[in-house]
């Protein structure tokens, strides 16, 4: 089994923990994308004539 902060975890609990961490990382990444795009200004607004 796994030991996480002194708590014994089964394989199912470990999978849930890893899945939760991946979801959090995904949400943070999706939250950062718009700010990165706006800073980089990949699509100039109002320049097209």
PDB file of N, CA and C in Angstrom:
ATOM      1  N   UNK A   1       0.822  -1.206   0.000  1.00  0.00           N
ATOM      2  CA  UNK A   1       0.000   0.000   0.000  1.00  0.00           C
ATOM      3  C   UNK A   1       0.854   1.254   0.000  1.00  0.00           C
ATOM      4  N   UNK A   2       0.191   2.384  -0.089  1.00  0.00           N
ATOM      5  CA  UNK A   2       0.890   3.667  -0.099  1.00  0.00           C
ATOM      6  C   UNK A   2       0.771   4.336   1.260  1.00  0.00           C
ATOM      7  N   UNK A   3       1.752   5.163   1.589  1.00  0.00           N
ATOM      8  CA  UNK A   3       1.663   5.991   2.787  1.00  0.00           C
ATOM      9  C   UNK A   3       1.727   7.448   2.364  1.00  0.00           C
ATOM     10  N   UNK A   4       0.650   8.181   2.619  1.00  0.00           N
ATOM     11  CA  UNK A   4       0.594   9.594   2.241  1.00  0.00           C
ATOM     12  C   UNK A   4       0.314  10.415   3.484  1.00  0.00           C
ATOM     13  N   UNK A   5       1.337  11.163   3.942  1.00  0.00           N
ATOM     14  CA  UNK A   5       1.247  11.956   5.171  1.00  0.00           C
ATOM     15  C   UNK A   5       0.770  11.063   6.321  1.00  0.00           C
ATOM     16  N   UNK A   6       1.378   9.881   6.420  1.00  0.00           N
ATOM     17  CA  UNK A   6       1.081   8.987   7.523  1.00  0.00           C
ATOM     18  C   UNK A   6      -0.236   8.241   7.385  1.00  0.00           C
ATOM     19  N   UNK A   7      -0.944   8.434   6.269  1.00  0.00           N
ATOM     20  CA  UNK A   7      -2.229   7.763   6.076  1.00  0.00           C
ATOM     21  C   UNK A   7      -2.070   6.641   5.054  1.00  0.00           C
ATOM     22  N   UNK A   8      -2.405   5.419   5.429  1.00  0.00           N
ATOM     23  CA  UNK A   8      -2.297   4.308   4.478  1.00  0.00           C
ATOM     24  C   UNK A   8      -3.319   4.449   3.358  1.00  0.00           C
ATOM     25  N   UNK A   9      -2.871   4.291   2.128  1.00  0.00           N
ATOM     26  CA  UNK A   9      -3.754   4.410   0.975  1.00  0.00           C
ATOM     27  C   UNK A   9      -3.734   3.122   0.164  1.00  0.00           C
ATOM     28  N   UNK A  10      -4.883   2.738  -0.322  1.00  0.00           N
ATOM     29  CA  UNK A  10      -4.942   1.614  -1.242  1.00  0.00           C
ATOM     30  C   UNK A  10      -4.631   2.112  -2.637  1.00  0.00           C
ATOM     31  N   UNK A  11      -4.573   1.194  -3.598  1.00  0.00           N
ATOM     32  CA  UNK A  11      -4.273   1.597  -4.973  1.00  0.00           C
ATOM     33  C   UNK A  11      -5.385   2.494  -5.516  1.00  0.00           C
ATOM     34  N   UNK A  12      -6.632   2.226  -5.103  1.00  0.00           N
ATOM     35  CA  UNK A  12      -7.756   3.033  -5.571  1.00  0.00           C
ATOM     36  C   UNK A  12      -7.643   4.456  -5.032  1.00  0.00           C
ATOM     37  N   UNK A  13      -7.276   4.577  -3.744  1.00  0.00           N
ATOM     38  CA  UNK A  13      -7.114   5.903  -3.142  1.00  0.00           C
ATOM     39  C   UNK A  13      -5.974   6.659  -3.813  1.00  0.00           C
ATOM     40  N   UNK A  14      -4.905   5.948  -4.136  1.00  0.00           N
ATOM     41  CA  UNK A  14      -3.768   6.595  -4.789  1.00  0.00           C
ATOM     42  C   UNK A  14      -4.172   7.106  -6.169  1.00  0.00           C
ATOM     43  N   UNK A  15      -4.977   6.306  -6.886  1.00  0.00           N
ATOM     44  CA  UNK A  15      -5.439   6.737  -8.209  1.00  0.00           C
ATOM     45  C   UNK A  15      -6.320   7.973  -8.096  1.00  0.00           C
ATOM     46  N   UNK A  16      -7.188   7.998  -7.090  1.00  0.00           N
ATOM     47  CA  UNK A  16      -8.046   9.164  -6.879  1.00  0.00           C
ATOM     48  C   UNK A  16      -7.203  10.391  -6.561  1.00  0.00           C
ATOM     49  N   UNK A  17      -6.169  10.203  -5.736  1.00  0.00           N
ATOM     50  CA  UNK A  17      -5.303  11.316  -5.354  1.00  0.00           C
ATOM     51  C   UNK A  17      -4.581  11.866  -6.575  1.00  0.00           C
ATOM     52  N   UNK A  18      -4.019  10.986  -7.393  1.00  0.00           N
ATOM     53  CA  UNK A  18      -3.312  11.415  -8.601  1.00  0.00           C
ATOM     54  C   UNK A  18      -4.274  12.104  -9.564  1.00  0.00           C
ATOM     55  N   UNK A  19      -5.481  11.564  -9.707  1.00  0.00           N
ATOM     56  CA  UNK A  19      -6.483  12.161 -10.597  1.00  0.00           C
ATOM     57  C   UNK A  19      -6.855  13.561 -10.119  1.00  0.00           C
ATOM     58  N   UNK A  20      -7.020  13.721  -8.804  1.00  0.00           N
ATOM     59  CA  UNK A  20      -7.374  15.026  -8.245  1.00  0.00           C
ATOM     60  C   UNK A  20      -6.267  16.039  -8.511  1.00  0.00           C
ATOM     61  N   UNK A  21      -5.003  15.616  -8.347  1.00  0.00           N
ATOM     62  CA  UNK A  21      -3.874  16.515  -8.593  1.00  0.00           C
ATOM     63  C   UNK A  21      -3.830  16.911 -10.062  1.00  0.00           C
ATOM     64  N   UNK A  22      -4.063  15.955 -10.953  1.00  0.00           N
ATOM     65  CA  UNK A  22      -4.060  16.256 -12.388  1.00  0.00           C
ATOM     66  C   UNK A  22      -5.167  17.243 -12.740  1.00  0.00           C
ATOM     67  N   UNK A  23      -6.337  17.080 -12.143  1.00  0.00           N
ATOM     68  CA  UNK A  23      -7.455  17.991 -12.407  1.00  0.00           C
ATOM     69  C   UNK A  23      -7.109  19.404 -11.946  1.00  0.00           C
ATOM     70  N   UNK A  24      -6.493  19.511 -10.757  1.00  0.00           N
ATOM     71  CA  UNK A  24      -6.108  20.826 -10.238  1.00  0.00           C
ATOM     72  C   UNK A  24      -5.097  21.483 -11.172  1.00  0.00           C
ATOM     73  N   UNK A  25      -4.099  20.711 -11.625  1.00  0.00           N
ATOM     74  CA  UNK A  25      -3.095  21.254 -12.543  1.00  0.00           C
ATOM     75  C   UNK A  25      -3.757  21.708 -13.842  1.00  0.00           C
ATOM     76  N   UNK A  26      -4.707  20.914 -14.340  1.00  0.00           N
ATOM     77  CA  UNK A  26      -5.401  21.253 -15.582  1.00  0.00           C
ATOM     78  C   UNK A  26      -6.188  22.549 -15.428  1.00  0.00           C
ATOM     79  N   UNK A  27      -6.890  22.694 -14.307  1.00  0.00           N
ATOM     80  CA  UNK A  27      -7.688  23.899 -14.062  1.00  0.00           C
ATOM     81  C   UNK A  27      -6.787  25.128 -13.973  1.00  0.00           C
ATOM     82  N   UNK A  28      -5.658  24.992 -13.276  1.00  0.00           N
ATOM     83  CA  UNK A  28      -4.725  26.113 -13.154  1.00  0.00           C
ATOM     84  C   UNK A  28      -4.160  26.485 -14.517  1.00  0.00           C
ATOM     85  N   UNK A  29      -3.805  25.469 -15.314  1.00  0.00           N
ATOM     86  CA  UNK A  29      -3.254  25.725 -16.645  1.00  0.00           C
ATOM     87  C   UNK A  29      -4.276  26.438 -17.524  1.00  0.00           C
ATOM     88  N   UNK A  30      -5.524  25.959 -17.503  1.00  0.00           N
ATOM     89  CA  UNK A  30      -6.575  26.592 -18.300  1.00  0.00           C
ATOM     90  C   UNK A  30      -6.829  28.015 -17.818  1.00  0.00           C
ATOM     91  N   UNK A  31      -6.653  28.263 -16.533  1.00  0.00           N
ATOM     92  CA  UNK A  31      -6.850  29.604 -15.994  1.00  0.00           C
ATOM     93  C   UNK A  31      -5.732  30.542 -16.412  1.00  0.00           C
ATOM     94  N   UNK A  32      -4.524  29.998 -16.618  1.00  0.00           N
ATOM     95  CA  UNK A  32      -3.385  30.838 -16.977  1.00  0.00           C
ATOM     96  C   UNK A  32      -3.326  31.131 -18.466  1.00  0.00           C
ATOM     97  N   UNK A  33      -3.909  30.255 -19.289  1.00  0.00           N
ATOM     98  CA  UNK A  33      -3.817  30.402 -20.742  1.00  0.00           C
ATOM     99  C   UNK A  33      -4.317  31.757 -21.254  1.00  0.00           C
ATOM    100  N   UNK A  34      -5.510  32.229 -20.862  1.00  0.00           N
ATOM    101  CA  UNK A  34      -5.993  33.516 -21.391  1.00  0.00           C
ATOM    102  C   UNK A  34      -5.058  34.673 -21.053  1.00  0.00           C
ATOM    103  N   UNK A  35      -4.495  34.701 -19.849  1.00  0.00           N
ATOM    104  CA  UNK A  35      -3.614  35.797 -19.464  1.00  0.00           C
ATOM    105  C   UNK A  35      -2.319  35.752 -20.267  1.00  0.00           C
ATOM    106  N   UNK A  36      -1.815  34.544 -20.531  1.00  0.00           N
ATOM    107  CA  UNK A  36      -0.600  34.401 -21.332  1.00  0.00           C
ATOM    108  C   UNK A  36      -0.850  34.870 -22.761  1.00  0.00           C
ATOM    109  N   UNK A  37      -1.997  34.480 -23.310  1.00  0.00           N
ATOM    110  CA  UNK A  37      -2.327  34.874 -24.680  1.00  0.00           C
ATOM    111  C   UNK A  37      -2.504  36.387 -24.774  1.00  0.00           C
ATOM    112  N   UNK A  38      -3.157  36.988 -23.790  1.00  0.00           N
ATOM    113  CA  UNK A  38      -3.393  38.428 -23.836  1.00  0.00           C
ATOM    114  C   UNK A  38      -2.081  39.195 -23.689  1.00  0.00           C
ATOM    115  N   UNK A  39      -1.152  38.655 -22.887  1.00  0.00           N
ATOM    116  CA  UNK A  39       0.148  39.321 -22.728  1.00  0.00           C
ATOM    117  C   UNK A  39       0.970  39.208 -24.010  1.00  0.00           C
ATOM    118  N   UNK A  40       0.917  38.033 -24.636  1.00  0.00           N
ATOM    119  CA  UNK A  40       1.710  37.803 -25.842  1.00  0.00           C
ATOM    120  C   UNK A  40       1.087  38.502 -27.044  1.00  0.00           C
ATOM    121  N   UNK A  41      -0.234  38.734 -26.981  1.00  0.00           N
ATOM    122  CA  UNK A  41      -0.954  39.387 -28.074  1.00  0.00           C
ATOM    123  C   UNK A  41      -0.711  38.666 -29.398  1.00  0.00           C
ATOM    124  N   UNK A  42      -1.039  37.357 -29.404  1.00  0.00           N
ATOM    125  CA  UNK A  42      -0.882  36.576 -30.630  1.00  0.00           C
ATOM    126  C   UNK A  42      -1.819  37.106 -31.713  1.00  0.00           C
ATOM    127  N   UNK A  43      -2.985  37.584 -31.291  1.00  0.00           N
ATOM    128  CA  UNK A  43      -3.964  38.094 -32.256  1.00  0.00           C
ATOM    129  C   UNK A  43      -4.151  39.587 -32.024  1.00  0.00           C
ATOM    130  N   UNK A  44      -3.485  40.426 -32.819  1.00  0.00           N
ATOM    131  CA  UNK A  44      -3.631  41.877 -32.654  1.00  0.00           C
ATOM    132  C   UNK A  44      -5.066  42.295 -32.923  1.00  0.00           C
ATOM    133  N   UNK A  45      -5.618  43.097 -32.028  1.00  0.00           N
ATOM    134  CA  UNK A  45      -7.013  43.511 -32.177  1.00  0.00           C
ATOM    135  C   UNK A  45      -7.071  44.891 -32.809  1.00  0.00           C
ATOM    136  N   UNK A  46      -7.890  45.043 -33.849  1.00  0.00           N
ATOM    137  CA  UNK A  46      -8.111  46.340 -34.458  1.00  0.00           C
ATOM    138  C   UNK A  46      -7.056  46.723 -35.477  1.00  0.00           C
ATOM    139  N   UNK A  47      -6.118  45.818 -35.784  1.00  0.00           N
ATOM    140  CA  UNK A  47      -5.076  46.161 -36.759  1.00  0.00           C
ATOM    141  C   UNK A  47      -5.511  45.808 -38.179  1.00  0.00           C
ATOM    142  N   UNK A  48      -6.459  44.880 -38.294  1.00  0.00           N
ATOM    143  CA  UNK A  48      -6.911  44.459 -39.619  1.00  0.00           C
ATOM    144  C   UNK A  48      -7.748  45.559 -40.258  1.00  0.00           C
ATOM    145  N   UNK A  49      -7.446  45.861 -41.502  1.00  0.00           N
ATOM    146  CA  UNK A  49      -8.206  46.915 -42.188  1.00  0.00           C
ATOM    147  C   UNK A  49      -9.045  46.297 -43.297  1.00  0.00           C
TER     148      UNK A  49
END
